[in-house]
Structures are given as C-alpha cells and as structure tokens.
Amino acid sequence: MITDHWPLRGLRVSSPRLELRLPTEDELAEVADVAARGVHPPQDRPFLTPWGELAPAERARHVVQSHWRRLGRWNARDWALDLVAFHEGRPVGIQDMRAKEFGVRREIVSGSWLGLEHQGRGLGTEMRAAMLHLAFAELGTRSATSMSFTDNHPSLAVSRRLGYRSDGIDRDVLDGHVVVSQRLRLSPEAWTEHARTPVTVTGLTDDCRTLFGLNP
C-alpha cells in the first residue's frame, strides 16, 4: 500500500465541516478545477506570486505542479504539506503548512486559498484552525507565522480571529512596485486561548512524525 512508503497519505485532520488530507490524483484534478473557476475577484491581488491571475487552464496546472513539486522535494529538514480541504466530500481549496529544520525550530508558516465560490462562509477560518490544531496539539509547534498584504483585510481578519499578533512588515516587489506585507505570529498560549473549533487528527503515525523531522 502507498501508506507503507508514504504514510502522510493516511493523515486526516477533521473539523465540524471539513476534512483536510492529501488528495488522490483525481481529487487533485478536481481541486485544480476549483482554482480554474477563480480564487479571488479580478480586481484583487492577494498573492506575491500572482498565480491567481493566470488564465484558468494555467491556474489549474499551477495547483497540480505545485502539489507534485512539494511532495517530490520533501525531506525531514525542509517540507511543505498541501492539505486539500474537503467540504461535504468535495474539494474547496488548499491549506498548507511549511517548515525548515522543524525538528529543531518547531516553527511553521502557512498559506491557503479557497475557491471563490466557497468564500464568505467561514471555511477559510475553519481550514486554518484545523491546520493549527495539527501543528500545535499534535506536532508540538512553538510558533506559527503567516503573512498577508496590508490591504488583504479578509486574510488579516482570519489571523487576528485566531490569535495571531503583529510581527513586523516585509517589503517586496510585485510588477515593479513595492508591496508591503504584514507579518503575524501565533504562540501556543495564544492558540490555546483562541482555539474554538473541535478538531480530530487520525493517521499521525510514528513514520509520519519522522517525515516531519520528529523523533517517534
């Protein structure tokens, strides 16, 4: 079985409305179709890498290739986990968490996207809350960070709702112009204080922990 060689296939993170897990190939195609239908309004630019502005077919291909690339490059010292969020059995977006030297630093950074047709129902907040439970309660994370453009008010609102606090700014260049991002950081204490979503994690085996850079 594939889980004998890649135990992350058996990892499940479940909240009241969502299940987060690695997709099958057909499910990856389906979440790529969700991206093709749109991930943000045309007038918005929420991503430093502006993949959401690509043509629909290119946008879908970006999702597929990014997923394969991250799995192919995975090692215990530098990993990125793309968890597809399923609502009522169908994919609605992706919640990721990434880390370098996690076994030592115990710090993750996260990002996410939700299909435009699924926004405005609190699913983005629930996705992040489920991921944070995996990070803090199950993997022993000591710090979770996120970053959003200063005008990306929905993303910043999700972070603050979950207990993140400001952690400075970053200045980058997008299409020849400076863009400013707000960095945010979440501690275990603040996560515990703001955790409201019941989450269940299954399939986090000793072999999974080894892939994350942890001792079983």
N, C-alpha and C. Protein backbone atom coordinates (compact mmCIF):
# COMPACT_ATOMS: atom_id res chain seq x y z
N MET A 1 0.84 -1.21 0.00
CA MET A 1 0.00 0.00 0.00
C MET A 1 0.87 1.25 0.00
N ILE A 2 0.35 2.32 -0.59
CA ILE A 2 1.13 3.55 -0.69
C ILE A 2 1.49 4.10 0.69
N THR A 3 0.61 3.88 1.68
CA THR A 3 0.90 4.40 3.02
C THR A 3 2.11 3.71 3.65
N ASP A 4 2.47 2.53 3.16
CA ASP A 4 3.68 1.87 3.67
C ASP A 4 4.93 2.66 3.29
N HIS A 5 4.88 3.35 2.15
CA HIS A 5 6.02 4.10 1.66
C HIS A 5 5.86 5.61 1.88
N TRP A 6 4.61 6.06 1.95
CA TRP A 6 4.34 7.49 2.12
C TRP A 6 3.20 7.64 3.13
N PRO A 7 3.53 7.51 4.43
CA PRO A 7 2.49 7.45 5.47
C PRO A 7 1.63 8.69 5.58
N LEU A 8 2.09 9.82 5.02
CA LEU A 8 1.25 11.03 5.06
C LEU A 8 -0.06 10.84 4.31
N ARG A 9 -0.13 9.84 3.45
CA ARG A 9 -1.38 9.55 2.74
C ARG A 9 -2.50 9.17 3.71
N GLY A 10 -2.14 8.67 4.86
CA GLY A 10 -3.16 8.27 5.83
C GLY A 10 -3.54 9.34 6.83
N LEU A 11 -2.90 10.51 6.75
CA LEU A 11 -3.16 11.59 7.71
C LEU A 11 -4.48 12.27 7.40
N ARG A 12 -5.33 12.44 8.42
CA ARG A 12 -6.62 13.10 8.28
C ARG A 12 -6.79 14.12 9.40
N VAL A 13 -7.20 15.33 9.05
CA VAL A 13 -7.49 16.37 10.02
C VAL A 13 -8.95 16.78 9.81
N SER A 14 -9.80 16.51 10.80
CA SER A 14 -11.25 16.69 10.64
C SER A 14 -11.78 17.74 11.61
N SER A 15 -12.59 18.65 11.09
CA SER A 15 -13.29 19.67 11.87
C SER A 15 -14.78 19.51 11.59
N PRO A 16 -15.65 20.30 12.21
CA PRO A 16 -17.08 20.07 12.02
C PRO A 16 -17.54 20.03 10.56
N ARG A 17 -17.00 20.87 9.70
CA ARG A 17 -17.46 20.91 8.31
C ARG A 17 -16.44 20.44 7.30
N LEU A 18 -15.20 20.21 7.71
CA LEU A 18 -14.13 19.97 6.76
C LEU A 18 -13.32 18.73 7.10
N GLU A 19 -12.72 18.16 6.07
CA GLU A 19 -11.66 17.18 6.24
C GLU A 19 -10.47 17.65 5.43
N LEU A 20 -9.29 17.72 6.06
CA LEU A 20 -8.06 18.12 5.39
C LEU A 20 -7.17 16.90 5.24
N ARG A 21 -6.70 16.66 4.01
CA ARG A 21 -5.84 15.50 3.76
C ARG A 21 -5.19 15.64 2.40
N LEU A 22 -4.23 14.77 2.13
CA LEU A 22 -3.65 14.71 0.79
C LEU A 22 -4.68 14.14 -0.18
N PRO A 23 -4.72 14.65 -1.41
CA PRO A 23 -5.72 14.18 -2.37
C PRO A 23 -5.22 12.99 -3.18
N THR A 24 -6.16 12.23 -3.72
CA THR A 24 -5.83 11.29 -4.78
C THR A 24 -5.55 12.11 -6.05
N GLU A 25 -5.08 11.45 -7.08
CA GLU A 25 -4.81 12.17 -8.34
C GLU A 25 -6.10 12.76 -8.93
N ASP A 26 -7.20 12.01 -8.86
CA ASP A 26 -8.46 12.53 -9.38
C ASP A 26 -8.95 13.71 -8.53
N GLU A 27 -8.75 13.64 -7.22
CA GLU A 27 -9.15 14.75 -6.35
C GLU A 27 -8.26 15.97 -6.56
N LEU A 28 -6.99 15.74 -6.89
CA LEU A 28 -6.10 16.85 -7.22
C LEU A 28 -6.59 17.55 -8.48
N ALA A 29 -7.04 16.78 -9.46
CA ALA A 29 -7.62 17.39 -10.67
C ALA A 29 -8.86 18.20 -10.32
N GLU A 30 -9.65 17.70 -9.37
CA GLU A 30 -10.88 18.41 -9.01
C GLU A 30 -10.59 19.72 -8.29
N VAL A 31 -9.59 19.72 -7.39
CA VAL A 31 -9.27 20.97 -6.71
C VAL A 31 -8.61 21.95 -7.68
N ALA A 32 -7.91 21.43 -8.69
CA ALA A 32 -7.38 22.30 -9.74
C ALA A 32 -8.51 22.95 -10.52
N ASP A 33 -9.59 22.21 -10.74
CA ASP A 33 -10.77 22.79 -11.41
C ASP A 33 -11.38 23.91 -10.56
N VAL A 34 -11.38 23.72 -9.23
CA VAL A 34 -11.88 24.77 -8.34
C VAL A 34 -11.06 26.04 -8.53
N ALA A 35 -9.73 25.89 -8.58
CA ALA A 35 -8.86 27.04 -8.80
C ALA A 35 -9.11 27.69 -10.15
N ALA A 36 -9.36 26.86 -11.17
CA ALA A 36 -9.60 27.40 -12.51
C ALA A 36 -10.83 28.29 -12.55
N ARG A 37 -11.81 28.01 -11.69
CA ARG A 37 -13.03 28.82 -11.66
C ARG A 37 -12.84 30.13 -10.90
N GLY A 38 -11.68 30.30 -10.26
CA GLY A 38 -11.38 31.57 -9.61
C GLY A 38 -11.08 31.42 -8.13
N VAL A 39 -10.07 32.17 -7.67
CA VAL A 39 -9.68 32.14 -6.26
C VAL A 39 -9.76 33.52 -5.62
N HIS A 40 -9.97 34.55 -6.42
CA HIS A 40 -10.17 35.90 -5.88
C HIS A 40 -10.80 36.77 -6.97
N PRO A 41 -11.48 37.85 -6.59
CA PRO A 41 -12.07 38.74 -7.59
C PRO A 41 -10.99 39.32 -8.51
N PRO A 42 -11.34 39.62 -9.76
CA PRO A 42 -10.34 40.09 -10.73
C PRO A 42 -9.58 41.33 -10.28
N GLN A 43 -10.23 42.19 -9.50
CA GLN A 43 -9.58 43.45 -9.10
C GLN A 43 -8.62 43.27 -7.93
N ASP A 44 -8.62 42.12 -7.28
CA ASP A 44 -7.75 41.89 -6.12
C ASP A 44 -6.44 41.23 -6.54
N ARG A 45 -5.39 41.46 -5.72
CA ARG A 45 -4.08 40.83 -5.96
C ARG A 45 -3.53 40.34 -4.62
N PRO A 46 -4.03 39.23 -4.10
CA PRO A 46 -3.65 38.82 -2.74
C PRO A 46 -2.34 38.04 -2.63
N PHE A 47 -1.76 37.61 -3.78
CA PHE A 47 -0.59 36.73 -3.71
C PHE A 47 0.64 37.41 -4.28
N LEU A 48 1.78 37.24 -3.57
CA LEU A 48 3.04 37.79 -4.07
C LEU A 48 3.44 37.11 -5.38
N THR A 49 3.24 35.80 -5.46
CA THR A 49 3.34 35.10 -6.74
C THR A 49 1.93 35.12 -7.34
N PRO A 50 1.68 35.92 -8.37
CA PRO A 50 0.30 36.19 -8.80
C PRO A 50 -0.32 35.07 -9.64
N TRP A 51 -0.30 33.85 -9.10
CA TRP A 51 -0.82 32.71 -9.85
C TRP A 51 -2.33 32.78 -10.03
N GLY A 52 -3.01 33.47 -9.12
CA GLY A 52 -4.47 33.60 -9.23
C GLY A 52 -4.92 34.43 -10.41
N GLU A 53 -3.98 35.14 -11.04
CA GLU A 53 -4.30 35.97 -12.19
C GLU A 53 -4.03 35.27 -13.52
N LEU A 54 -3.51 34.07 -13.45
CA LEU A 54 -3.26 33.31 -14.68
C LEU A 54 -4.57 32.94 -15.36
N ALA A 55 -4.47 32.55 -16.62
CA ALA A 55 -5.64 32.01 -17.32
C ALA A 55 -6.10 30.75 -16.62
N PRO A 56 -7.39 30.42 -16.70
CA PRO A 56 -7.92 29.27 -15.94
C PRO A 56 -7.12 27.98 -16.10
N ALA A 57 -6.75 27.60 -17.32
CA ALA A 57 -6.02 26.35 -17.52
C ALA A 57 -4.64 26.41 -16.87
N GLU A 58 -3.98 27.57 -16.96
CA GLU A 58 -2.67 27.73 -16.33
C GLU A 58 -2.78 27.73 -14.82
N ARG A 59 -3.85 28.31 -14.31
CA ARG A 59 -4.08 28.35 -12.87
C ARG A 59 -4.24 26.92 -12.33
N ALA A 60 -5.01 26.12 -13.03
CA ALA A 60 -5.21 24.73 -12.62
C ALA A 60 -3.89 23.96 -12.68
N ARG A 61 -3.12 24.18 -13.74
CA ARG A 61 -1.84 23.48 -13.88
C ARG A 61 -0.88 23.89 -12.77
N HIS A 62 -0.91 25.15 -12.38
CA HIS A 62 -0.06 25.62 -11.29
C HIS A 62 -0.36 24.84 -10.00
N VAL A 63 -1.62 24.62 -9.70
CA VAL A 63 -2.00 23.90 -8.50
C VAL A 63 -1.46 22.47 -8.54
N VAL A 64 -1.62 21.81 -9.68
CA VAL A 64 -1.16 20.43 -9.82
C VAL A 64 0.36 20.34 -9.70
N GLN A 65 1.07 21.21 -10.43
CA GLN A 65 2.52 21.15 -10.41
C GLN A 65 3.09 21.52 -9.05
N SER A 66 2.50 22.51 -8.39
CA SER A 66 2.97 22.90 -7.06
C SER A 66 2.83 21.75 -6.07
N HIS A 67 1.70 21.04 -6.15
CA HIS A 67 1.46 19.90 -5.26
C HIS A 67 2.51 18.81 -5.50
N TRP A 68 2.73 18.45 -6.76
CA TRP A 68 3.71 17.42 -7.07
C TRP A 68 5.12 17.85 -6.66
N ARG A 69 5.44 19.12 -6.93
CA ARG A 69 6.78 19.63 -6.64
C ARG A 69 7.08 19.54 -5.14
N ARG A 70 6.10 19.92 -4.33
CA ARG A 70 6.33 19.91 -2.89
C ARG A 70 6.48 18.49 -2.35
N LEU A 71 5.68 17.58 -2.85
CA LEU A 71 5.83 16.20 -2.40
C LEU A 71 7.17 15.63 -2.86
N GLY A 72 7.56 15.93 -4.10
CA GLY A 72 8.80 15.38 -4.65
C GLY A 72 10.04 15.89 -3.94
N ARG A 73 9.98 17.10 -3.42
CA ARG A 73 11.15 17.70 -2.76
C ARG A 73 11.15 17.48 -1.24
N TRP A 74 10.16 16.78 -0.73
CA TRP A 74 10.01 16.64 0.73
C TRP A 74 11.22 15.97 1.35
N ASN A 75 11.72 16.56 2.44
CA ASN A 75 12.63 15.86 3.33
C ASN A 75 12.41 16.39 4.74
N ALA A 76 12.90 15.68 5.72
CA ALA A 76 12.58 15.99 7.11
C ALA A 76 13.09 17.35 7.56
N ARG A 77 14.05 17.92 6.83
CA ARG A 77 14.61 19.22 7.21
C ARG A 77 13.98 20.38 6.44
N ASP A 78 13.19 20.07 5.42
CA ASP A 78 12.59 21.13 4.58
C ASP A 78 11.36 20.54 3.91
N TRP A 79 10.17 20.85 4.44
CA TRP A 79 8.97 20.23 3.91
C TRP A 79 7.83 21.24 3.75
N ALA A 80 6.89 20.89 2.91
CA ALA A 80 5.69 21.70 2.69
C ALA A 80 4.52 20.75 2.46
N LEU A 81 3.52 20.87 3.31
CA LEU A 81 2.37 19.97 3.26
C LEU A 81 1.15 20.71 2.73
N ASP A 82 0.69 20.31 1.54
CA ASP A 82 -0.53 20.87 0.95
C ASP A 82 -1.70 19.98 1.32
N LEU A 83 -2.54 20.44 2.24
CA LEU A 83 -3.72 19.69 2.64
C LEU A 83 -4.93 20.22 1.88
N VAL A 84 -5.55 19.38 1.09
CA VAL A 84 -6.77 19.78 0.40
C VAL A 84 -7.92 19.75 1.40
N ALA A 85 -8.72 20.81 1.39
CA ALA A 85 -9.89 20.90 2.28
C ALA A 85 -11.11 20.38 1.54
N PHE A 86 -11.78 19.41 2.13
CA PHE A 86 -13.00 18.82 1.56
C PHE A 86 -14.20 19.26 2.39
N HIS A 87 -15.20 19.77 1.71
CA HIS A 87 -16.46 20.15 2.35
C HIS A 87 -17.57 19.35 1.70
N GLU A 88 -18.30 18.58 2.51
CA GLU A 88 -19.35 17.69 2.00
C GLU A 88 -18.80 16.77 0.91
N GLY A 89 -17.54 16.33 1.11
CA GLY A 89 -16.94 15.36 0.22
C GLY A 89 -16.28 15.91 -1.02
N ARG A 90 -16.38 17.23 -1.25
CA ARG A 90 -15.81 17.83 -2.46
C ARG A 90 -14.72 18.82 -2.07
N PRO A 91 -13.63 18.91 -2.85
CA PRO A 91 -12.57 19.85 -2.52
C PRO A 91 -13.00 21.30 -2.72
N VAL A 92 -12.57 22.17 -1.79
CA VAL A 92 -12.94 23.59 -1.87
C VAL A 92 -11.71 24.49 -1.87
N GLY A 93 -10.53 23.96 -1.55
CA GLY A 93 -9.33 24.78 -1.52
C GLY A 93 -8.18 24.01 -0.91
N ILE A 94 -7.09 24.72 -0.62
CA ILE A 94 -5.89 24.11 -0.05
C ILE A 94 -5.39 24.94 1.12
N GLN A 95 -5.07 24.25 2.19
CA GLN A 95 -4.41 24.85 3.36
C GLN A 95 -3.02 24.22 3.46
N ASP A 96 -2.00 25.05 3.42
CA ASP A 96 -0.66 24.48 3.52
C ASP A 96 0.02 24.87 4.82
N MET A 97 1.04 24.10 5.17
CA MET A 97 1.94 24.45 6.26
C MET A 97 3.34 24.02 5.85
N ARG A 98 4.32 24.89 6.14
CA ARG A 98 5.68 24.66 5.65
C ARG A 98 6.67 24.90 6.78
N ALA A 99 7.81 24.21 6.71
CA ALA A 99 8.82 24.38 7.76
C ALA A 99 10.20 23.99 7.25
N LYS A 100 11.20 24.61 7.84
CA LYS A 100 12.60 24.22 7.65
C LYS A 100 13.18 23.93 9.03
N GLU A 101 13.91 22.81 9.11
CA GLU A 101 14.52 22.38 10.37
C GLU A 101 13.47 22.33 11.49
N PHE A 102 12.30 21.77 11.18
CA PHE A 102 11.21 21.76 12.15
C PHE A 102 11.58 21.00 13.42
N GLY A 103 12.34 19.94 13.30
CA GLY A 103 12.70 19.16 14.46
C GLY A 103 13.46 19.97 15.50
N VAL A 104 14.14 21.04 15.06
CA VAL A 104 14.88 21.90 15.96
C VAL A 104 14.10 23.18 16.26
N ARG A 105 13.60 23.84 15.20
CA ARG A 105 12.99 25.16 15.37
C ARG A 105 11.54 25.11 15.85
N ARG A 106 10.82 24.06 15.47
CA ARG A 106 9.40 23.90 15.81
C ARG A 106 8.58 25.14 15.40
N GLU A 107 8.84 25.64 14.21
CA GLU A 107 8.10 26.79 13.69
C GLU A 107 7.56 26.46 12.31
N ILE A 108 6.30 26.84 12.08
CA ILE A 108 5.71 26.62 10.76
C ILE A 108 5.21 27.95 10.21
N VAL A 109 5.13 28.02 8.89
CA VAL A 109 4.49 29.14 8.22
C VAL A 109 3.38 28.54 7.37
N SER A 110 2.28 29.26 7.23
CA SER A 110 1.15 28.68 6.50
C SER A 110 0.63 29.65 5.44
N GLY A 111 -0.09 29.09 4.52
CA GLY A 111 -0.80 29.85 3.49
C GLY A 111 -1.99 29.05 3.05
N SER A 112 -2.90 29.68 2.33
CA SER A 112 -4.10 28.95 1.90
C SER A 112 -4.77 29.68 0.76
N TRP A 113 -5.63 28.96 0.09
CA TRP A 113 -6.57 29.58 -0.85
C TRP A 113 -7.86 28.78 -0.82
N LEU A 114 -8.93 29.48 -1.12
CA LEU A 114 -10.28 28.91 -1.13
C LEU A 114 -10.95 29.33 -2.42
N GLY A 115 -11.59 28.39 -3.09
CA GLY A 115 -12.29 28.72 -4.32
C GLY A 115 -13.26 29.87 -4.12
N LEU A 116 -13.33 30.76 -5.08
CA LEU A 116 -14.16 31.96 -4.96
C LEU A 116 -15.61 31.61 -4.63
N GLU A 117 -16.08 30.51 -5.18
CA GLU A 117 -17.47 30.10 -4.97
C GLU A 117 -17.74 29.61 -3.55
N HIS A 118 -16.67 29.36 -2.78
CA HIS A 118 -16.82 28.83 -1.42
C HIS A 118 -16.48 29.86 -0.34
N GLN A 119 -16.19 31.05 -0.74
CA GLN A 119 -15.79 32.09 0.23
C GLN A 119 -17.00 32.73 0.90
N GLY A 120 -16.75 33.35 2.04
CA GLY A 120 -17.80 34.06 2.75
C GLY A 120 -18.63 33.21 3.69
N ARG A 121 -18.21 31.96 3.95
CA ARG A 121 -18.96 31.05 4.83
C ARG A 121 -18.15 30.59 6.04
N GLY A 122 -17.00 31.21 6.26
CA GLY A 122 -16.17 30.84 7.40
C GLY A 122 -15.31 29.61 7.17
N LEU A 123 -15.28 29.08 5.95
CA LEU A 123 -14.49 27.87 5.71
C LEU A 123 -12.99 28.16 5.78
N GLY A 124 -12.59 29.37 5.37
CA GLY A 124 -11.18 29.72 5.45
C GLY A 124 -10.67 29.74 6.88
N THR A 125 -11.48 30.27 7.79
CA THR A 125 -11.11 30.28 9.20
C THR A 125 -11.04 28.85 9.74
N GLU A 126 -12.00 28.01 9.35
CA GLU A 126 -12.03 26.63 9.84
C GLU A 126 -10.86 25.82 9.30
N MET A 127 -10.47 26.07 8.04
CA MET A 127 -9.30 25.41 7.47
C MET A 127 -8.06 25.72 8.29
N ARG A 128 -7.86 27.01 8.58
CA ARG A 128 -6.67 27.42 9.31
C ARG A 128 -6.71 26.87 10.74
N ALA A 129 -7.88 26.90 11.37
CA ALA A 129 -7.99 26.38 12.73
C ALA A 129 -7.65 24.90 12.78
N ALA A 130 -8.09 24.14 11.78
CA ALA A 130 -7.78 22.71 11.74
C ALA A 130 -6.28 22.48 11.58
N MET A 131 -5.66 23.24 10.69
CA MET A 131 -4.23 23.12 10.48
C MET A 131 -3.46 23.48 11.75
N LEU A 132 -3.90 24.53 12.45
CA LEU A 132 -3.21 24.95 13.67
C LEU A 132 -3.31 23.89 14.76
N HIS A 133 -4.43 23.18 14.82
CA HIS A 133 -4.54 22.09 15.78
C HIS A 133 -3.51 21.01 15.48
N LEU A 134 -3.38 20.65 14.21
CA LEU A 134 -2.36 19.68 13.83
C LEU A 134 -0.98 20.17 14.25
N ALA A 135 -0.70 21.45 13.98
CA ALA A 135 0.62 22.00 14.26
C ALA A 135 0.92 22.04 15.76
N PHE A 136 0.01 22.63 16.54
CA PHE A 136 0.28 22.85 17.95
C PHE A 136 -0.01 21.62 18.81
N ALA A 137 -1.20 21.06 18.66
CA ALA A 137 -1.61 19.97 19.56
C ALA A 137 -0.93 18.64 19.23
N GLU A 138 -0.64 18.42 17.95
CA GLU A 138 -0.13 17.11 17.54
C GLU A 138 1.37 17.10 17.25
N LEU A 139 1.90 18.21 16.72
CA LEU A 139 3.30 18.23 16.31
C LEU A 139 4.19 19.04 17.24
N GLY A 140 3.60 19.69 18.24
CA GLY A 140 4.42 20.42 19.20
C GLY A 140 5.02 21.69 18.67
N THR A 141 4.35 22.36 17.75
CA THR A 141 4.83 23.62 17.20
C THR A 141 4.92 24.68 18.31
N ARG A 142 5.96 25.50 18.24
CA ARG A 142 6.14 26.56 19.23
C ARG A 142 5.84 27.94 18.66
N SER A 143 5.71 28.04 17.34
CA SER A 143 5.39 29.33 16.74
C SER A 143 4.85 29.09 15.33
N ALA A 144 3.74 29.76 15.01
CA ALA A 144 3.15 29.69 13.68
C ALA A 144 3.11 31.09 13.10
N THR A 145 3.55 31.25 11.88
CA THR A 145 3.57 32.56 11.26
C THR A 145 2.73 32.57 9.98
N SER A 146 2.29 33.76 9.64
CA SER A 146 1.52 33.97 8.42
C SER A 146 1.85 35.37 7.91
N MET A 147 1.56 35.62 6.66
CA MET A 147 1.85 36.93 6.09
C MET A 147 0.79 37.27 5.05
N SER A 148 0.31 38.52 5.07
CA SER A 148 -0.69 38.98 4.12
C SER A 148 -0.39 40.42 3.73
N PHE A 149 -0.71 40.78 2.50
CA PHE A 149 -0.62 42.19 2.12
C PHE A 149 -1.46 43.02 3.08
N THR A 150 -1.03 44.23 3.35
CA THR A 150 -1.72 45.06 4.34
C THR A 150 -3.13 45.43 3.91
N ASP A 151 -3.45 45.28 2.62
CA ASP A 151 -4.82 45.57 2.18
C ASP A 151 -5.65 44.30 1.99
N ASN A 152 -5.11 43.14 2.40
CA ASN A 152 -5.85 41.88 2.31
C ASN A 152 -6.61 41.69 3.62
N HIS A 153 -7.67 42.46 3.78
CA HIS A 153 -8.38 42.51 5.05
C HIS A 153 -9.02 41.18 5.46
N PRO A 154 -9.59 40.40 4.53
CA PRO A 154 -10.16 39.11 4.96
C PRO A 154 -9.12 38.18 5.58
N SER A 155 -7.95 38.07 4.96
CA SER A 155 -6.91 37.20 5.48
C SER A 155 -6.41 37.68 6.84
N LEU A 156 -6.20 38.98 6.96
CA LEU A 156 -5.75 39.53 8.24
C LEU A 156 -6.79 39.31 9.33
N ALA A 157 -8.07 39.40 8.96
CA ALA A 157 -9.13 39.20 9.94
C ALA A 157 -9.14 37.76 10.44
N VAL A 158 -8.90 36.79 9.55
CA VAL A 158 -8.82 35.40 9.97
C VAL A 158 -7.68 35.21 10.97
N SER A 159 -6.52 35.78 10.65
CA SER A 159 -5.37 35.65 11.54
C SER A 159 -5.66 36.21 12.92
N ARG A 160 -6.23 37.39 12.98
CA ARG A 160 -6.48 38.02 14.27
C ARG A 160 -7.57 37.30 15.05
N ARG A 161 -8.55 36.74 14.33
CA ARG A 161 -9.60 35.98 14.99
C ARG A 161 -9.03 34.75 15.69
N LEU A 162 -7.94 34.21 15.14
CA LEU A 162 -7.34 33.00 15.68
C LEU A 162 -6.21 33.29 16.66
N GLY A 163 -5.95 34.57 16.94
CA GLY A 163 -4.99 34.91 17.99
C GLY A 163 -3.63 35.38 17.55
N TYR A 164 -3.38 35.46 16.24
CA TYR A 164 -2.10 35.96 15.77
C TYR A 164 -1.89 37.41 16.21
N ARG A 165 -0.63 37.77 16.40
CA ARG A 165 -0.27 39.15 16.73
C ARG A 165 0.74 39.68 15.71
N SER A 166 0.73 40.98 15.52
CA SER A 166 1.63 41.61 14.54
C SER A 166 3.07 41.30 14.87
N ASP A 167 3.86 41.10 13.80
CA ASP A 167 5.26 40.72 13.96
C ASP A 167 6.13 41.45 12.95
N GLY A 168 5.76 42.71 12.63
CA GLY A 168 6.54 43.50 11.69
C GLY A 168 6.00 43.43 10.28
N ILE A 169 6.77 43.97 9.33
CA ILE A 169 6.35 44.00 7.94
C ILE A 169 7.48 43.49 7.05
N ASP A 170 7.11 43.08 5.84
CA ASP A 170 8.06 42.78 4.77
C ASP A 170 7.75 43.68 3.59
N ARG A 171 8.79 44.08 2.87
CA ARG A 171 8.63 44.89 1.65
C ARG A 171 9.18 44.08 0.49
N ASP A 172 8.34 43.82 -0.50
CA ASP A 172 8.73 43.05 -1.68
C ASP A 172 8.38 43.86 -2.92
N VAL A 173 8.74 43.31 -4.07
CA VAL A 173 8.46 43.96 -5.35
C VAL A 173 7.53 43.07 -6.16
N LEU A 174 6.44 43.66 -6.62
CA LEU A 174 5.48 42.98 -7.48
C LEU A 174 5.22 43.86 -8.69
N ASP A 175 5.56 43.35 -9.87
CA ASP A 175 5.39 44.10 -11.12
C ASP A 175 6.04 45.48 -11.06
N GLY A 176 7.25 45.52 -10.47
CA GLY A 176 8.00 46.76 -10.45
C GLY A 176 7.59 47.75 -9.38
N HIS A 177 6.69 47.35 -8.48
CA HIS A 177 6.23 48.25 -7.42
C HIS A 177 6.43 47.58 -6.06
N VAL A 178 6.73 48.40 -5.06
CA VAL A 178 6.88 47.88 -3.70
C VAL A 178 5.51 47.53 -3.13
N VAL A 179 5.42 46.34 -2.56
CA VAL A 179 4.20 45.93 -1.85
C VAL A 179 4.59 45.59 -0.41
N VAL A 180 3.72 45.93 0.52
CA VAL A 180 4.00 45.75 1.94
C VAL A 180 3.12 44.64 2.50
N SER A 181 3.74 43.71 3.19
CA SER A 181 3.02 42.60 3.81
C SER A 181 3.13 42.71 5.32
N GLN A 182 2.04 42.38 5.99
CA GLN A 182 2.03 42.32 7.45
C GLN A 182 2.40 40.91 7.89
N ARG A 183 3.46 40.80 8.68
CA ARG A 183 3.79 39.52 9.27
C ARG A 183 3.00 39.34 10.56
N LEU A 184 2.58 38.10 10.81
CA LEU A 184 1.83 37.78 12.03
C LEU A 184 2.39 36.51 12.64
N ARG A 185 2.31 36.42 13.97
CA ARG A 185 2.87 35.27 14.68
C ARG A 185 1.89 34.81 15.75
N LEU A 186 1.80 33.49 15.90
CA LEU A 186 0.90 32.88 16.88
C LEU A 186 1.70 32.00 17.82
N SER A 187 1.54 32.23 19.11
CA SER A 187 2.22 31.41 20.12
C SER A 187 1.30 30.28 20.57
N PRO A 188 1.86 29.25 21.21
CA PRO A 188 1.00 28.18 21.74
C PRO A 188 -0.02 28.71 22.74
N GLU A 189 0.37 29.69 23.57
CA GLU A 189 -0.54 30.23 24.57
C GLU A 189 -1.71 30.96 23.91
N ALA A 190 -1.42 31.76 22.90
CA ALA A 190 -2.48 32.49 22.20
C ALA A 190 -3.36 31.53 21.42
N TRP A 191 -2.75 30.46 20.85
CA TRP A 191 -3.57 29.46 20.15
C TRP A 191 -4.54 28.80 21.12
N THR A 192 -4.04 28.40 22.29
CA THR A 192 -4.90 27.75 23.28
C THR A 192 -6.05 28.67 23.68
N GLU A 193 -5.76 29.94 23.84
CA GLU A 193 -6.78 30.91 24.27
C GLU A 193 -7.86 31.11 23.22
N HIS A 194 -7.48 31.02 21.94
CA HIS A 194 -8.43 31.31 20.86
C HIS A 194 -8.99 30.07 20.17
N ALA A 195 -8.50 28.89 20.51
CA ALA A 195 -8.98 27.67 19.84
C ALA A 195 -10.43 27.41 20.22
N ARG A 196 -11.30 27.42 19.24
CA ARG A 196 -12.73 27.21 19.48
C ARG A 196 -13.29 26.05 18.64
N THR A 197 -12.52 25.62 17.63
CA THR A 197 -13.02 24.62 16.69
C THR A 197 -12.59 23.22 17.12
N PRO A 198 -13.53 22.30 17.35
CA PRO A 198 -13.12 20.93 17.67
C PRO A 198 -12.49 20.25 16.46
N VAL A 199 -11.33 19.65 16.68
CA VAL A 199 -10.57 19.04 15.59
C VAL A 199 -10.10 17.66 16.02
N THR A 200 -10.18 16.71 15.10
CA THR A 200 -9.69 15.35 15.34
C THR A 200 -8.62 15.02 14.30
N VAL A 201 -7.52 14.47 14.74
CA VAL A 201 -6.44 14.06 13.84
C VAL A 201 -6.28 12.55 13.92
N THR A 202 -6.26 11.89 12.77
CA THR A 202 -6.01 10.46 12.71
C THR A 202 -4.89 10.19 11.71
N GLY A 203 -4.23 9.06 11.86
CA GLY A 203 -3.21 8.66 10.90
C GLY A 203 -1.85 9.30 11.11
N LEU A 204 -1.66 9.99 12.24
CA LEU A 204 -0.35 10.60 12.51
C LEU A 204 0.52 9.55 13.20
N THR A 205 1.08 8.69 12.40
CA THR A 205 1.86 7.56 12.89
C THR A 205 3.29 8.00 13.22
N ASP A 206 4.05 7.09 13.84
CA ASP A 206 5.45 7.36 14.10
C ASP A 206 6.21 7.63 12.81
N ASP A 207 5.86 6.92 11.74
CA ASP A 207 6.53 7.15 10.45
C ASP A 207 6.20 8.55 9.92
N CYS A 208 4.98 9.02 10.15
CA CYS A 208 4.63 10.39 9.77
C CYS A 208 5.49 11.39 10.53
N ARG A 209 5.60 11.18 11.83
CA ARG A 209 6.39 12.10 12.66
C ARG A 209 7.84 12.16 12.19
N THR A 210 8.36 11.04 11.76
CA THR A 210 9.73 11.02 11.24
C THR A 210 9.84 11.90 9.99
N LEU A 211 8.84 11.85 9.12
CA LEU A 211 8.85 12.69 7.93
C LEU A 211 8.80 14.17 8.27
N PHE A 212 8.16 14.52 9.39
CA PHE A 212 8.12 15.91 9.83
C PHE A 212 9.40 16.33 10.55
N GLY A 213 10.32 15.40 10.72
CA GLY A 213 11.57 15.72 11.41
C GLY A 213 11.52 15.51 12.89
N LEU A 214 10.53 14.76 13.36
CA LEU A 214 10.37 14.50 14.79
C LEU A 214 10.77 13.08 15.12
N ASN A 215 11.24 12.87 16.34
CA ASN A 215 11.50 11.52 16.80
C ASN A 215 10.20 10.84 17.15
N PRO A 216 9.98 9.60 16.72
CA PRO A 216 8.73 8.90 17.02
C PRO A 216 8.59 8.63 18.50
